[in-house]
Amino acid sequence: MTQRLLVTGGCGFVGANLIRLLLADGRMIRVLDDLRSGREEYLAGLDVEIVKGAIGDTDLVEKLLSDADAVVHLAAAGSVVESVAEPRANFEANAYGTFSVLDAARRAGIERMVFSSTGGALIGNATPPVNEQSLPKPISPYGASKLAAEAYCHAFAHAYGIRTVSLRFANLYGPFSGHKKGAITKFFQAIHEGEPVVIFGDGSASRDFMYVDDICNGIRLGLTADVPGGTVAHLATGVETSVSDLADACRRVAGRPDHPIEYRPARPGEVGRNFATYDLARELLGFTPSVALEEGLARTWDWLRENVFS
């Protein structure tokens, strides 16, 4: 049988890439997106139904799930900086929003939900590499909201039998990210516009950067893997990259290795060093990342030049 999916936040960065992959598998897809940050044109020409609406509208979500087999919950407020400025809005989008989707899934009798969580922001400041046994100590409202959402996924799995799979994403980059506010998009935009690349802090902060195709493959595996409800796994590369090294890589792939860099004070709520192992995802899902950083950056630079900077 063809798997029928509801993808929340499907008009966003991950959704635009994921839906193309899932359609190629023969799945039927309905998208729910409030279009505040997602872009309907990202899915132009694709055989998907797009419904404009909020994930907090439980009745609407339940209606959209009435003939679905599973849900991929991507909709979220994803900015650490914005969560510090507006913590209530972040809570409502991420913690309450996830609860609302879970409650609708319970009422609709949905068997499986894959939830897009986060690694570094949820774990907080911890000696890397982190894994699923690392004690979560979020230092931003964003990280706290994702931890609360994971807790509800676990609770609904055990209380109602929904097979929830929470996947903790590394820092993502790739095509359809032109509207995002992450470091890679900002670095490439600065290079293109001839402005200095801005680094907050001294550049020693580190992250685990993953190309979006690898994350999408992990989500696809999460939709079919025989794992218990409440499963949590990191989708990561296991490679630590400092922000300074990232800026250097961006400058190289753009052909401007001497482009200027400007250092500014570090921002509150952001984790210092962070990267994760993906051993559990490999064991449970068969997940292995395949795109190296500079290869992925080159693809991203080409996409941005063709679709955003042109």
C-alpha atoms as a PDB file:
ATOM      1  CA  MET A   1       0.000   0.000   0.000  1.00  0.00           C
ATOM      2  CA  THR A   2       1.077   3.574  -0.673  1.00  0.00           C
ATOM      3  CA  GLN A   3       1.995   5.335   2.550  1.00  0.00           C
ATOM      4  CA  ARG A   4      -0.018   8.524   3.079  1.00  0.00           C
ATOM      5  CA  LEU A   5       1.747  11.235   5.046  1.00  0.00           C
ATOM      6  CA  LEU A   6       1.009  14.571   6.633  1.00  0.00           C
ATOM      7  CA  VAL A   7       4.110  16.758   6.746  1.00  0.00           C
ATOM      8  CA  THR A   8       3.825  19.773   9.021  1.00  0.00           C
ATOM      9  CA  GLY A   9       6.023  22.693   8.041  1.00  0.00           C
ATOM     10  CA  GLY A  10       6.492  21.053   4.665  1.00  0.00           C
ATOM     11  CA  CYS A  11       7.004  24.357   2.827  1.00  0.00           C
ATOM     12  CA  GLY A  12      10.189  25.039   4.773  1.00  0.00           C
ATOM     13  CA  PHE A  13      13.827  24.179   4.194  1.00  0.00           C
ATOM     14  CA  VAL A  14      13.801  20.524   5.284  1.00  0.00           C
ATOM     15  CA  GLY A  15      10.316  19.909   3.926  1.00  0.00           C
ATOM     16  CA  ALA A  16      11.190  21.150   0.444  1.00  0.00           C
ATOM     17  CA  ASN A  17      14.013  18.627   0.252  1.00  0.00           C
ATOM     18  CA  LEU A  18      12.263  15.794   2.113  1.00  0.00           C
ATOM     19  CA  ILE A  19       9.061  15.880   0.079  1.00  0.00           C
ATOM     20  CA  ARG A  20      10.956  15.433  -3.173  1.00  0.00           C
ATOM     21  CA  LEU A  21      12.628  12.355  -1.704  1.00  0.00           C
ATOM     22  CA  LEU A  22       9.377  10.894  -0.377  1.00  0.00           C
ATOM     23  CA  LEU A  23       7.505  11.522  -3.620  1.00  0.00           C
ATOM     24  CA  ALA A  24      10.220   9.639  -5.468  1.00  0.00           C
ATOM     25  CA  ASP A  25       9.456   6.713  -3.143  1.00  0.00           C
ATOM     26  CA  GLY A  26       5.818   6.782  -4.285  1.00  0.00           C
ATOM     27  CA  ARG A  27       4.299   8.243  -1.105  1.00  0.00           C
ATOM     28  CA  MET A  28       1.195  10.457  -1.078  1.00  0.00           C
ATOM     29  CA  ILE A  29       1.777  13.712   0.792  1.00  0.00           C
ATOM     30  CA  ARG A  30      -0.338  16.419   2.340  1.00  0.00           C
ATOM     31  CA  VAL A  31       1.394  19.500   3.766  1.00  0.00           C
ATOM     32  CA  LEU A  32       0.250  21.728   6.615  1.00  0.00           C
ATOM     33  CA  ASP A  33       2.101  25.037   6.842  1.00  0.00           C
ATOM     34  CA  ASP A  34       1.180  28.480   8.157  1.00  0.00           C
ATOM     35  CA  LEU A  35       3.546  29.985   5.539  1.00  0.00           C
ATOM     36  CA  ARG A  36       5.030  32.467   8.000  1.00  0.00           C
ATOM     37  CA  SER A  37       8.506  31.257   7.144  1.00  0.00           C
ATOM     38  CA  GLY A  38       7.834  28.459   4.665  1.00  0.00           C
ATOM     39  CA  ARG A  39       7.405  29.231   0.992  1.00  0.00           C
ATOM     40  CA  GLU A  40       4.728  27.609  -1.119  1.00  0.00           C
ATOM     41  CA  GLU A  41       6.841  28.099  -4.237  1.00  0.00           C
ATOM     42  CA  TYR A  42       9.396  25.633  -2.843  1.00  0.00           C
ATOM     43  CA  LEU A  43       6.863  22.903  -3.690  1.00  0.00           C
ATOM     44  CA  ALA A  44       5.699  24.352  -7.007  1.00  0.00           C
ATOM     45  CA  GLY A  45       4.960  21.693  -9.600  1.00  0.00           C
ATOM     46  CA  LEU A  46       5.004  18.826  -7.087  1.00  0.00           C
ATOM     47  CA  ASP A  47       2.074  16.447  -6.614  1.00  0.00           C
ATOM     48  CA  VAL A  48       1.248  17.500  -3.051  1.00  0.00           C
ATOM     49  CA  GLU A  49      -1.770  19.007  -1.337  1.00  0.00           C
ATOM     50  CA  ILE A  50      -0.881  22.172   0.600  1.00  0.00           C
ATOM     51  CA  VAL A  51      -3.156  23.361   3.405  1.00  0.00           C
ATOM     52  CA  LYS A  52      -2.498  26.733   5.021  1.00  0.00           C
ATOM     53  CA  GLY A  53      -3.078  26.509   8.749  1.00  0.00           C
ATOM     54  CA  ALA A  54      -1.587  26.302  12.222  1.00  0.00           C
ATOM     55  CA  ILE A  55      -0.367  23.179  14.002  1.00  0.00           C
ATOM     56  CA  GLY A  56      -1.980  24.555  17.169  1.00  0.00           C
ATOM     57  CA  ASP A  57      -5.401  23.991  15.560  1.00  0.00           C
ATOM     58  CA  THR A  58      -5.862  20.438  16.824  1.00  0.00           C
ATOM     59  CA  ASP A  59      -9.212  19.972  15.072  1.00  0.00           C
ATOM     60  CA  LEU A  60      -7.691  20.930  11.721  1.00  0.00           C
ATOM     61  CA  VAL A  61      -4.709  18.635  12.236  1.00  0.00           C
ATOM     62  CA  GLU A  62      -7.011  15.762  13.201  1.00  0.00           C
ATOM     63  CA  LYS A  63      -9.066  16.334  10.052  1.00  0.00           C
ATOM     64  CA  LEU A  64      -5.951  16.304   7.878  1.00  0.00           C
ATOM     65  CA  LEU A  65      -4.828  13.072   9.550  1.00  0.00           C
ATOM     66  CA  SER A  66      -8.161  11.312   9.036  1.00  0.00           C
ATOM     67  CA  ASP A  67      -6.901   9.349   6.027  1.00  0.00           C
ATOM     68  CA  ALA A  68      -3.166   9.429   6.784  1.00  0.00           C
ATOM     69  CA  ASP A  69      -0.858   6.641   7.898  1.00  0.00           C
ATOM     70  CA  ALA A  70       1.859   8.723   9.575  1.00  0.00           C
ATOM     71  CA  VAL A  71       2.965  12.275  10.271  1.00  0.00           C
ATOM     72  CA  VAL A  72       6.337  13.961   9.893  1.00  0.00           C
ATOM     73  CA  HIS A  73       6.366  16.924  12.264  1.00  0.00           C
ATOM     74  CA  LEU A  74       8.812  19.549  10.982  1.00  0.00           C
ATOM     75  CA  ALA A  75       6.954  22.755  11.860  1.00  0.00           C
ATOM     76  CA  ALA A  76       8.921  24.706  14.456  1.00  0.00           C
ATOM     77  CA  ALA A  77      10.373  28.019  15.529  1.00  0.00           C
ATOM     78  CA  GLY A  78      14.033  27.208  15.012  1.00  0.00           C
ATOM     79  CA  SER A  79      16.071  30.240  16.034  1.00  0.00           C
ATOM     80  CA  VAL A  80      17.982  30.200  19.325  1.00  0.00           C
ATOM     81  CA  VAL A  81      18.443  33.969  19.192  1.00  0.00           C
ATOM     82  CA  GLU A  82      14.746  34.617  18.560  1.00  0.00           C
ATOM     83  CA  SER A  83      13.788  32.197  21.341  1.00  0.00           C
ATOM     84  CA  VAL A  84      15.809  34.270  23.796  1.00  0.00           C
ATOM     85  CA  ALA A  85      14.053  37.427  22.609  1.00  0.00           C
ATOM     86  CA  GLU A  86      10.548  35.887  22.473  1.00  0.00           C
ATOM     87  CA  PRO A  87      10.424  32.787  24.714  1.00  0.00           C
ATOM     88  CA  ARG A  88       6.628  32.569  24.880  1.00  0.00           C
ATOM     89  CA  ALA A  89       6.269  32.475  21.101  1.00  0.00           C
ATOM     90  CA  ASN A  90       8.935  29.778  20.928  1.00  0.00           C
ATOM     91  CA  PHE A  91       7.146  27.696  23.579  1.00  0.00           C
ATOM     92  CA  GLU A  92       3.825  27.993  21.790  1.00  0.00           C
ATOM     93  CA  ALA A  93       5.317  26.955  18.445  1.00  0.00           C
ATOM     94  CA  ASN A  94       7.499  24.093  19.636  1.00  0.00           C
ATOM     95  CA  ALA A  95       6.197  22.681  22.915  1.00  0.00           C
ATOM     96  CA  TYR A  96       2.482  23.381  22.585  1.00  0.00           C
ATOM     97  CA  GLY A  97       2.580  22.930  18.814  1.00  0.00           C
ATOM     98  CA  THR A  98       4.052  19.442  19.147  1.00  0.00           C
ATOM     99  CA  PHE A  99       1.547  18.550  21.865  1.00  0.00           C
ATOM    100  CA  SER A 100      -1.267  19.665  19.564  1.00  0.00           C
ATOM    101  CA  VAL A 101      -0.016  17.482  16.697  1.00  0.00           C
ATOM    102  CA  LEU A 102       0.396  14.505  19.034  1.00  0.00           C
ATOM    103  CA  ASP A 103      -3.089  14.969  20.453  1.00  0.00           C
ATOM    104  CA  ALA A 104      -4.552  15.134  16.956  1.00  0.00           C
ATOM    105  CA  ALA A 105      -2.605  12.002  16.005  1.00  0.00           C
ATOM    106  CA  ARG A 106      -3.991  10.227  19.076  1.00  0.00           C
ATOM    107  CA  ARG A 107      -7.536  11.192  18.183  1.00  0.00           C
ATOM    108  CA  ALA A 108      -7.056  10.180  14.536  1.00  0.00           C
ATOM    109  CA  GLY A 109      -5.520   6.799  15.407  1.00  0.00           C
ATOM    110  CA  ILE A 110      -2.163   7.534  13.759  1.00  0.00           C
ATOM    111  CA  GLU A 111       0.400   4.784  14.322  1.00  0.00           C
ATOM    112  CA  ARG A 112       3.660   6.667  13.736  1.00  0.00           C
ATOM    113  CA  MET A 113       5.102  10.151  14.043  1.00  0.00           C
ATOM    114  CA  VAL A 114       8.614  11.293  13.209  1.00  0.00           C
ATOM    115  CA  PHE A 115       9.540  14.429  15.129  1.00  0.00           C
ATOM    116  CA  SER A 116      12.303  16.858  14.158  1.00  0.00           C
ATOM    117  CA  SER A 117      14.227  17.586  17.341  1.00  0.00           C
ATOM    118  CA  THR A 118      17.665  19.105  17.908  1.00  0.00           C
ATOM    119  CA  GLY A 119      20.995  18.047  19.334  1.00  0.00           C
ATOM    120  CA  GLY A 120      23.197  20.808  20.654  1.00  0.00           C
ATOM    121  CA  ALA A 121      20.509  23.243  21.799  1.00  0.00           C
ATOM    122  CA  LEU A 122      18.726  20.504  23.744  1.00  0.00           C
ATOM    123  CA  ILE A 123      21.821  19.018  25.397  1.00  0.00           C
ATOM    124  CA  GLY A 124      23.309  22.434  26.224  1.00  0.00           C
ATOM    125  CA  ASN A 125      26.916  22.860  27.244  1.00  0.00           C
ATOM    126  CA  ALA A 126      28.412  19.373  27.554  1.00  0.00           C
ATOM    127  CA  THR A 127      31.746  17.829  26.678  1.00  0.00           C
ATOM    128  CA  PRO A 128      31.364  16.464  23.135  1.00  0.00           C
ATOM    129  CA  PRO A 129      30.745  14.132  21.517  1.00  0.00           C
ATOM    130  CA  VAL A 130      27.258  13.866  22.982  1.00  0.00           C
ATOM    131  CA  ASN A 131      24.895  10.941  22.501  1.00  0.00           C
ATOM    132  CA  GLU A 132      21.447   9.796  23.593  1.00  0.00           C
ATOM    133  CA  GLN A 133      22.717   9.133  27.127  1.00  0.00           C
ATOM    134  CA  SER A 134      23.985  12.705  27.584  1.00  0.00           C
ATOM    135  CA  LEU A 135      21.973  14.601  30.196  1.00  0.00           C
ATOM    136  CA  PRO A 136      19.902  17.362  28.579  1.00  0.00           C
ATOM    137  CA  LYS A 137      20.580  20.780  30.079  1.00  0.00           C
ATOM    138  CA  PRO A 138      19.281  23.335  27.548  1.00  0.00           C
ATOM    139  CA  ILE A 139      20.550  26.891  27.933  1.00  0.00           C
ATOM    140  CA  SER A 140      18.058  28.545  25.557  1.00  0.00           C
ATOM    141  CA  PRO A 141      14.249  28.561  25.417  1.00  0.00           C
ATOM    142  CA  TYR A 142      14.556  26.884  22.009  1.00  0.00           C
ATOM    143  CA  GLY A 143      16.443  23.929  23.483  1.00  0.00           C
ATOM    144  CA  ALA A 144      13.986  23.713  26.371  1.00  0.00           C
ATOM    145  CA  SER A 145      11.004  23.706  24.023  1.00  0.00           C
ATOM    146  CA  LYS A 146      12.433  20.842  21.992  1.00  0.00           C
ATOM    147  CA  LEU A 147      13.161  18.864  25.170  1.00  0.00           C
ATOM    148  CA  ALA A 148       9.574  19.368  26.312  1.00  0.00           C
ATOM    149  CA  ALA A 149       8.330  18.221  22.906  1.00  0.00           C
ATOM    150  CA  GLU A 150      10.492  15.093  23.074  1.00  0.00           C
ATOM    151  CA  ALA A 151       9.036  14.346  26.513  1.00  0.00           C
ATOM    152  CA  TYR A 152       5.509  14.537  25.123  1.00  0.00           C
ATOM    153  CA  CYS A 153       6.497  12.244  22.244  1.00  0.00           C
ATOM    154  CA  HIS A 154       7.762   9.704  24.759  1.00  0.00           C
ATOM    155  CA  ALA A 155       4.658  10.046  26.932  1.00  0.00           C
ATOM    156  CA  PHE A 156       2.225   9.666  24.028  1.00  0.00           C
ATOM    157  CA  ALA A 157       4.136   6.608  22.819  1.00  0.00           C
ATOM    158  CA  HIS A 158       3.654   4.871  26.143  1.00  0.00           C
ATOM    159  CA  ALA A 159       0.195   6.188  27.006  1.00  0.00           C
ATOM    160  CA  TYR A 160      -1.439   5.848  23.576  1.00  0.00           C
ATOM    161  CA  GLY A 161       0.749   3.517  21.537  1.00  0.00           C
ATOM    162  CA  ILE A 162       1.907   6.058  18.940  1.00  0.00           C
ATOM    163  CA  ARG A 163       5.268   4.962  17.552  1.00  0.00           C
ATOM    164  CA  THR A 164       7.083   8.264  17.961  1.00  0.00           C
ATOM    165  CA  VAL A 165      10.616   8.657  16.617  1.00  0.00           C
ATOM    166  CA  SER A 166      12.408  11.822  17.735  1.00  0.00           C
ATOM    167  CA  LEU A 167      15.397  12.617  15.563  1.00  0.00           C
ATOM    168  CA  ARG A 168      17.900  15.134  16.918  1.00  0.00           C
ATOM    169  CA  PHE A 169      19.206  17.054  13.940  1.00  0.00           C
ATOM    170  CA  ALA A 170      22.717  18.365  13.570  1.00  0.00           C
ATOM    171  CA  ASN A 171      23.102  21.888  12.127  1.00  0.00           C
ATOM    172  CA  LEU A 172      21.582  21.734   8.664  1.00  0.00           C
ATOM    173  CA  TYR A 173      22.442  23.408   5.394  1.00  0.00           C
ATOM    174  CA  GLY A 174      21.663  22.908   1.715  1.00  0.00           C
ATOM    175  CA  PRO A 175      19.221  23.934  -1.050  1.00  0.00           C
ATOM    176  CA  PHE A 176      16.010  25.804  -0.174  1.00  0.00           C
ATOM    177  CA  SER A 177      17.732  27.468   2.795  1.00  0.00           C
ATOM    178  CA  GLY A 178      17.785  30.978   1.330  1.00  0.00           C
ATOM    179  CA  HIS A 179      15.252  32.241   3.895  1.00  0.00           C
ATOM    180  CA  LYS A 180      17.078  30.715   6.867  1.00  0.00           C
ATOM    181  CA  LYS A 181      19.164  32.717   9.325  1.00  0.00           C
ATOM    182  CA  GLY A 182      21.847  30.119   9.997  1.00  0.00           C
ATOM    183  CA  ALA A 183      25.571  30.720   9.805  1.00  0.00           C
ATOM    184  CA  ILE A 184      26.163  29.139   6.404  1.00  0.00           C
ATOM    185  CA  THR A 185      23.462  31.145   4.630  1.00  0.00           C
ATOM    186  CA  LYS A 186      24.681  34.340   6.275  1.00  0.00           C
ATOM    187  CA  PHE A 187      28.323  33.605   5.466  1.00  0.00           C
ATOM    188  CA  PHE A 188      27.566  32.995   1.791  1.00  0.00           C
ATOM    189  CA  GLN A 189      25.337  36.070   1.594  1.00  0.00           C
ATOM    190  CA  ALA A 190      28.102  38.240   3.034  1.00  0.00           C
ATOM    191  CA  ILE A 191      30.630  36.811   0.592  1.00  0.00           C
ATOM    192  CA  HIS A 192      28.274  37.411  -2.333  1.00  0.00           C
ATOM    193  CA  GLU A 193      27.535  40.992  -1.263  1.00  0.00           C
ATOM    194  CA  GLY A 194      31.159  41.835  -0.551  1.00  0.00           C
ATOM    195  CA  GLU A 195      30.500  42.399   3.161  1.00  0.00           C
ATOM    196  CA  PRO A 196      32.657  40.917   5.961  1.00  0.00           C
ATOM    197  CA  VAL A 197      31.699  37.475   7.235  1.00  0.00           C
ATOM    198  CA  VAL A 198      30.482  38.089  10.812  1.00  0.00           C
ATOM    199  CA  ILE A 199      31.423  35.594  13.531  1.00  0.00           C
ATOM    200  CA  PHE A 200      29.948  35.978  17.013  1.00  0.00           C
ATOM    201  CA  GLY A 201      32.581  35.068  19.602  1.00  0.00           C
ATOM    202  CA  ASP A 202      36.186  34.159  18.890  1.00  0.00           C
ATOM    203  CA  GLY A 203      35.378  31.508  16.279  1.00  0.00           C
ATOM    204  CA  SER A 204      36.212  28.530  18.494  1.00  0.00           C
ATOM    205  CA  ALA A 205      32.559  27.562  19.013  1.00  0.00           C
ATOM    206  CA  SER A 206      31.889  24.337  17.150  1.00  0.00           C
ATOM    207  CA  ARG A 207      28.979  22.511  15.590  1.00  0.00           C
ATOM    208  CA  ASP A 208      28.146  19.353  13.679  1.00  0.00           C
ATOM    209  CA  PHE A 209      27.129  20.472  10.172  1.00  0.00           C
ATOM    210  CA  MET A 210      25.042  18.092   8.075  1.00  0.00           C
ATOM    211  CA  TYR A 211      23.873  18.369   4.484  1.00  0.00           C
ATOM    212  CA  VAL A 212      20.090  18.295   4.222  1.00  0.00           C
ATOM    213  CA  ASP A 213      19.940  15.204   1.979  1.00  0.00           C
ATOM    214  CA  ASP A 214      21.445  13.134   4.795  1.00  0.00           C
ATOM    215  CA  ILE A 215      18.862  14.402   7.287  1.00  0.00           C
ATOM    216  CA  CYS A 216      16.058  13.647   4.845  1.00  0.00           C
ATOM    217  CA  ASN A 217      17.321  10.113   4.411  1.00  0.00           C
ATOM    218  CA  GLY A 218      17.319   9.719   8.190  1.00  0.00           C
ATOM    219  CA  ILE A 219      13.692  10.867   8.357  1.00  0.00           C
ATOM    220  CA  ARG A 220      12.768   8.413   5.611  1.00  0.00           C
ATOM    221  CA  LEU A 221      14.383   5.617   7.600  1.00  0.00           C
ATOM    222  CA  GLY A 222      12.495   6.749  10.696  1.00  0.00           C
ATOM    223  CA  LEU A 223       9.192   6.297   8.849  1.00  0.00           C
ATOM    224  CA  THR A 224       9.727   2.580   8.340  1.00  0.00           C
ATOM    225  CA  ALA A 225      12.244   1.322  10.919  1.00  0.00           C
ATOM    226  CA  ASP A 226      11.015  -1.300  13.374  1.00  0.00           C
ATOM    227  CA  VAL A 227      11.778   0.675  16.535  1.00  0.00           C
ATOM    228  CA  PRO A 228       9.765   1.130  19.724  1.00  0.00           C
ATOM    229  CA  GLY A 229       7.702   4.237  20.311  1.00  0.00           C
ATOM    230  CA  GLY A 230       9.578   6.897  22.208  1.00  0.00           C
ATOM    231  CA  THR A 231      12.825   6.257  20.318  1.00  0.00           C
ATOM    232  CA  VAL A 232      15.306   9.159  20.328  1.00  0.00           C
ATOM    233  CA  ALA A 233      18.351   9.213  18.038  1.00  0.00           C
ATOM    234  CA  HIS A 234      20.895  11.769  16.890  1.00  0.00           C
ATOM    235  CA  LEU A 235      21.240  12.349  13.156  1.00  0.00           C
ATOM    236  CA  ALA A 236      24.775  13.689  13.036  1.00  0.00           C
ATOM    237  CA  THR A 237      28.099  13.368  11.263  1.00  0.00           C
ATOM    238  CA  GLY A 238      30.289  12.892  14.323  1.00  0.00           C
ATOM    239  CA  VAL A 239      32.598  15.605  12.944  1.00  0.00           C
ATOM    240  CA  GLU A 240      33.316  18.746  14.969  1.00  0.00           C
ATOM    241  CA  THR A 241      33.796  21.927  12.925  1.00  0.00           C
ATOM    242  CA  SER A 242      34.640  25.275  14.486  1.00  0.00           C
ATOM    243  CA  VAL A 243      32.875  28.382  13.243  1.00  0.00           C
ATOM    244  CA  SER A 244      36.221  29.763  12.037  1.00  0.00           C
ATOM    245  CA  ASP A 245      36.897  26.580  10.054  1.00  0.00           C
ATOM    246  CA  LEU A 246      33.385  26.761   8.632  1.00  0.00           C
ATOM    247  CA  ALA A 247      33.958  30.338   7.485  1.00  0.00           C
ATOM    248  CA  ASP A 248      37.231  29.301   5.846  1.00  0.00           C
ATOM    249  CA  ALA A 249      35.470  26.439   4.032  1.00  0.00           C
ATOM    250  CA  CYS A 250      32.722  28.773   2.814  1.00  0.00           C
ATOM    251  CA  ARG A 251      35.321  31.223   1.534  1.00  0.00           C
ATOM    252  CA  ARG A 252      37.172  28.432  -0.297  1.00  0.00           C
ATOM    253  CA  VAL A 253      34.149  26.962  -2.092  1.00  0.00           C
ATOM    254  CA  ALA A 254      33.091  30.489  -3.107  1.00  0.00           C
ATOM    255  CA  GLY A 255      36.533  31.071  -4.595  1.00  0.00           C
ATOM    256  CA  ARG A 256      37.329  33.916  -2.192  1.00  0.00           C
ATOM    257  CA  PRO A 257      39.702  32.466   0.418  1.00  0.00           C
ATOM    258  CA  ASP A 258      40.840  35.912   1.607  1.00  0.00           C
ATOM    259  CA  HIS A 259      37.384  37.422   2.095  1.00  0.00           C
ATOM    260  CA  PRO A 260      37.384  39.521   5.323  1.00  0.00           C
ATOM    261  CA  ILE A 261      36.008  38.231   8.631  1.00  0.00           C
ATOM    262  CA  GLU A 262      34.641  40.437  11.419  1.00  0.00           C
ATOM    263  CA  TYR A 263      34.441  39.141  15.004  1.00  0.00           C
ATOM    264  CA  ARG A 264      31.693  40.373  17.325  1.00  0.00           C
ATOM    265  CA  PRO A 265      30.727  39.523  20.950  1.00  0.00           C
ATOM    266  CA  ALA A 266      29.165  36.114  21.543  1.00  0.00           C
ATOM    267  CA  ARG A 267      25.376  35.976  21.817  1.00  0.00           C
ATOM    268  CA  PRO A 268      23.459  34.620  24.855  1.00  0.00           C
ATOM    269  CA  GLY A 269      21.856  31.176  24.734  1.00  0.00           C
ATOM    270  CA  GLU A 270      24.253  29.687  22.205  1.00  0.00           C
ATOM    271  CA  VAL A 271      26.185  26.506  22.994  1.00  0.00           C
ATOM    272  CA  GLY A 272      29.998  26.480  22.838  1.00  0.00           C
ATOM    273  CA  ARG A 273      31.391  23.197  21.527  1.00  0.00           C
ATOM    274  CA  ASN A 274      28.954  20.610  20.204  1.00  0.00           C
ATOM    275  CA  PHE A 275      28.934  17.554  18.010  1.00  0.00           C
ATOM    276  CA  ALA A 276      27.271  14.178  18.359  1.00  0.00           C
ATOM    277  CA  THR A 277      27.781  10.527  17.552  1.00  0.00           C
ATOM    278  CA  TYR A 278      25.260   8.756  15.340  1.00  0.00           C
ATOM    279  CA  ASP A 279      25.966   5.221  16.572  1.00  0.00           C
ATOM    280  CA  LEU A 280      22.401   4.617  17.745  1.00  0.00           C
ATOM    281  CA  ALA A 281      20.874   5.912  14.503  1.00  0.00           C
ATOM    282  CA  ARG A 282      23.182   3.599  12.580  1.00  0.00           C
ATOM    283  CA  GLU A 283      22.179   0.646  14.773  1.00  0.00           C
ATOM    284  CA  LEU A 284      18.426   1.279  14.859  1.00  0.00           C
ATOM    285  CA  LEU A 285      17.769   2.971  11.524  1.00  0.00           C
ATOM    286  CA  GLY A 286      20.689   1.967   9.322  1.00  0.00           C
ATOM    287  CA  PHE A 287      21.625   5.633   9.052  1.00  0.00           C
ATOM    288  CA  THR A 288      25.012   6.816   7.776  1.00  0.00           C
ATOM    289  CA  PRO A 289      25.769  10.344   6.493  1.00  0.00           C
ATOM    290  CA  SER A 290      27.284  10.465   3.020  1.00  0.00           C
ATOM    291  CA  VAL A 291      27.949  14.104   2.046  1.00  0.00           C
ATOM    292  CA  ALA A 292      31.234  15.670   3.215  1.00  0.00           C
ATOM    293  CA  LEU A 293      31.200  19.283   4.378  1.00  0.00           C
ATOM    294  CA  GLU A 294      32.973  20.957   1.457  1.00  0.00           C
ATOM    295  CA  GLU A 295      30.988  18.961  -1.094  1.00  0.00           C
ATOM    296  CA  GLY A 296      27.739  20.014   0.589  1.00  0.00           C
ATOM    297  CA  LEU A 297      28.882  23.622   0.885  1.00  0.00           C
ATOM    298  CA  ALA A 298      29.715  23.726  -2.815  1.00  0.00           C
ATOM    299  CA  ARG A 299      26.226  22.440  -3.685  1.00  0.00           C
ATOM    300  CA  THR A 300      24.676  25.011  -1.361  1.00  0.00           C
ATOM    301  CA  TRP A 301      26.725  27.891  -2.791  1.00  0.00           C
ATOM    302  CA  ASP A 302      25.697  26.895  -6.326  1.00  0.00           C
ATOM    303  CA  TRP A 303      22.008  26.715  -5.338  1.00  0.00           C
ATOM    304  CA  LEU A 304      22.096  30.081  -3.587  1.00  0.00           C
ATOM    305  CA  ARG A 305      23.815  31.755  -6.526  1.00  0.00           C
ATOM    306  CA  GLU A 306      21.264  30.378  -8.963  1.00  0.00           C
ATOM    307  CA  ASN A 307      18.100  30.855  -6.886  1.00  0.00           C
ATOM    308  CA  VAL A 308      18.707  33.604  -4.326  1.00  0.00           C
ATOM    309  CA  PHE A 309      21.670  35.748  -5.294  1.00  0.00           C
ATOM    310  CA  SER A 310      20.948  35.961  -9.007  1.00  0.00           C
END
